[in-house]
Amino acid sequence: VQLQAFGGGLMQAGGSLRLSCAVSGGTFNRMGWFRQAPGEEKEFVAGINWLSGRTYYSDSVKGRFTASRDNAKNTLYLQMNSLMSEDTAVYYCARDPQVMDYWGKGTLVTVSR
C-alpha cells in the first residue's frame, strides 16, 4: 500500500486548508493523519475507520479539523479550519495514526501569525 499526502502550503492564521492523501494498493481498517513539527515528536492528529467512516481526533485539533474519506476515489482528506501557528508541521497520512508504524510522503503546512 502506498500513501502520499498533498495540499500543504503557506497559510495565515485563521485560514483553512484541505489535505488529500492518495491511497493505492489497498487500504487499512484505520487510517488517518499525524504531524511532526521541526524538532518535535510525531503527534497524532486525526483518524478514521475506513469502512464505517467513524472519526477520532486529538484534543489539539478537535472542533477545527475534520477527517474524511472517499471510498470510490481511495482518497483520505483532512479539512483544517481556524489554523494556528502551532499547526505548522509536516503532515503525514498513515495506517493507524495513533500507532504511526506505516506512513507515506508528507506535505508541509506552514501557518503564519
Protein backbone atom coordinates (compact mmCIF):
# COMPACT_ATOMS: atom_id res chain seq x y z
CA VAL A 1 0.00 0.00 0.00
CA GLN A 2 1.28 3.41 -0.92
CA LEU A 3 0.25 6.66 0.70
CA GLN A 4 1.07 10.17 -0.42
CA ALA A 5 -0.17 13.39 1.08
CA PHE A 6 -0.85 16.53 -0.96
CA GLY A 7 -2.17 20.00 -0.42
CA GLY A 8 0.16 21.62 2.05
CA GLY A 9 1.21 25.21 1.77
CA LEU A 10 1.58 28.54 3.48
CA MET A 11 -1.49 29.95 5.19
CA GLN A 12 -2.24 32.79 7.53
CA ALA A 13 -3.56 32.04 10.98
CA GLY A 14 -7.30 31.68 10.90
CA GLY A 15 -7.32 30.29 7.41
CA SER A 16 -8.31 26.90 6.05
CA LEU A 17 -6.58 24.23 4.07
CA ARG A 18 -7.55 20.77 2.87
CA LEU A 19 -5.03 17.99 2.65
CA SER A 20 -5.54 14.93 0.49
CA CYS A 21 -3.92 11.53 0.63
CA ALA A 22 -3.86 9.25 -2.36
CA VAL A 23 -4.09 5.62 -1.28
CA SER A 24 -3.08 2.92 -3.71
CA GLY A 25 -2.62 -0.81 -3.50
CA GLY A 26 -5.24 -1.31 -0.81
CA THR A 27 -6.47 0.31 2.36
CA PHE A 28 -6.19 -0.25 6.08
CA ASN A 29 -9.04 -0.50 8.56
CA ARG A 30 -7.79 2.50 10.48
CA MET A 31 -6.17 5.37 8.64
CA GLY A 32 -5.55 8.97 9.35
CA TRP A 33 -3.07 11.72 9.93
CA PHE A 34 -0.23 12.59 12.20
CA ARG A 35 2.15 15.53 12.06
CA GLN A 36 5.66 16.40 13.02
CA ALA A 37 6.81 19.92 13.72
CA PRO A 38 10.50 20.83 13.42
CA GLY A 39 12.41 19.43 16.36
CA GLU A 40 9.31 17.81 17.82
CA GLU A 41 7.98 14.30 18.20
CA LYS A 42 5.33 12.88 15.92
CA GLU A 43 1.85 13.86 17.06
CA PHE A 44 -1.42 12.10 16.31
CA VAL A 45 -3.92 14.40 14.61
CA ALA A 46 -6.96 12.52 13.33
CA GLY A 47 -8.07 9.04 12.44
CA ILE A 48 -10.89 7.42 10.53
CA ASN A 49 -12.28 3.93 10.29
CA TRP A 50 -12.18 3.28 6.57
CA LEU A 51 -15.31 1.12 6.48
CA SER A 52 -17.57 2.94 8.90
CA GLY A 53 -16.24 6.46 8.49
CA ARG A 54 -16.09 6.95 12.26
CA THR A 55 -13.57 9.62 13.11
CA TYR A 56 -11.48 10.49 16.16
CA TYR A 57 -9.23 13.44 16.91
CA SER A 58 -6.54 14.74 19.18
CA ASP A 59 -7.67 17.37 21.66
CA SER A 60 -5.45 19.93 19.95
CA VAL A 61 -7.44 19.80 16.69
CA LYS A 62 -10.90 18.69 17.80
CA GLY A 63 -13.51 21.09 16.51
CA ARG A 64 -11.16 22.59 13.94
CA PHE A 65 -10.07 19.66 11.78
CA THR A 66 -12.25 17.10 10.03
CA ALA A 67 -11.06 13.81 8.61
CA SER A 68 -12.99 12.11 5.84
CA ARG A 69 -12.51 9.58 3.07
CA ASP A 70 -13.85 8.87 -0.37
CA ASN A 71 -14.02 5.11 -0.81
CA ALA A 72 -14.57 5.33 -4.54
CA LYS A 73 -11.51 7.51 -5.06
CA ASN A 74 -9.41 5.77 -2.39
CA THR A 75 -8.58 9.17 -1.00
CA LEU A 76 -8.26 10.41 2.54
CA TYR A 77 -8.85 14.05 3.43
CA LEU A 78 -8.08 16.40 6.28
CA GLN A 79 -10.02 19.65 6.32
CA MET A 80 -8.21 22.10 8.54
CA ASN A 81 -10.02 25.24 9.69
CA SER A 82 -9.08 28.01 12.09
CA LEU A 83 -5.42 27.25 11.54
CA MET A 84 -2.97 28.36 14.19
CA SER A 85 0.78 28.81 14.09
CA GLU A 86 1.05 25.74 16.32
CA ASP A 87 -0.36 23.69 13.43
CA THR A 88 2.83 24.25 11.44
CA ALA A 89 4.28 20.82 10.69
CA VAL A 90 4.78 18.17 8.06
CA TYR A 91 1.55 16.20 7.84
CA TYR A 92 1.58 12.52 7.01
CA CYS A 93 -1.23 10.17 6.19
CA ALA A 94 -0.74 6.84 7.83
CA ARG A 95 -2.02 3.46 8.79
CA ASP A 96 -3.43 3.69 12.32
CA PRO A 97 -2.21 7.23 13.01
CA GLN A 98 -2.03 6.62 16.74
CA VAL A 99 0.45 3.81 16.19
CA MET A 100 2.39 5.56 13.40
CA ASP A 101 4.10 2.47 12.09
CA TYR A 102 3.41 2.99 8.38
CA TRP A 103 3.13 6.24 6.51
CA GLY A 104 3.78 7.90 3.20
CA LYS A 105 5.43 11.05 1.99
CA GLY A 106 4.26 14.05 3.94
CA THR A 107 3.22 17.53 3.00
CA LEU A 108 4.37 20.71 4.73
CA VAL A 109 1.84 23.08 6.26
CA THR A 110 3.13 26.43 7.42
CA VAL A 111 0.84 28.80 9.30
CA SER A 112 2.00 32.35 9.73
CA ARG A 113 0.80 34.55 12.57
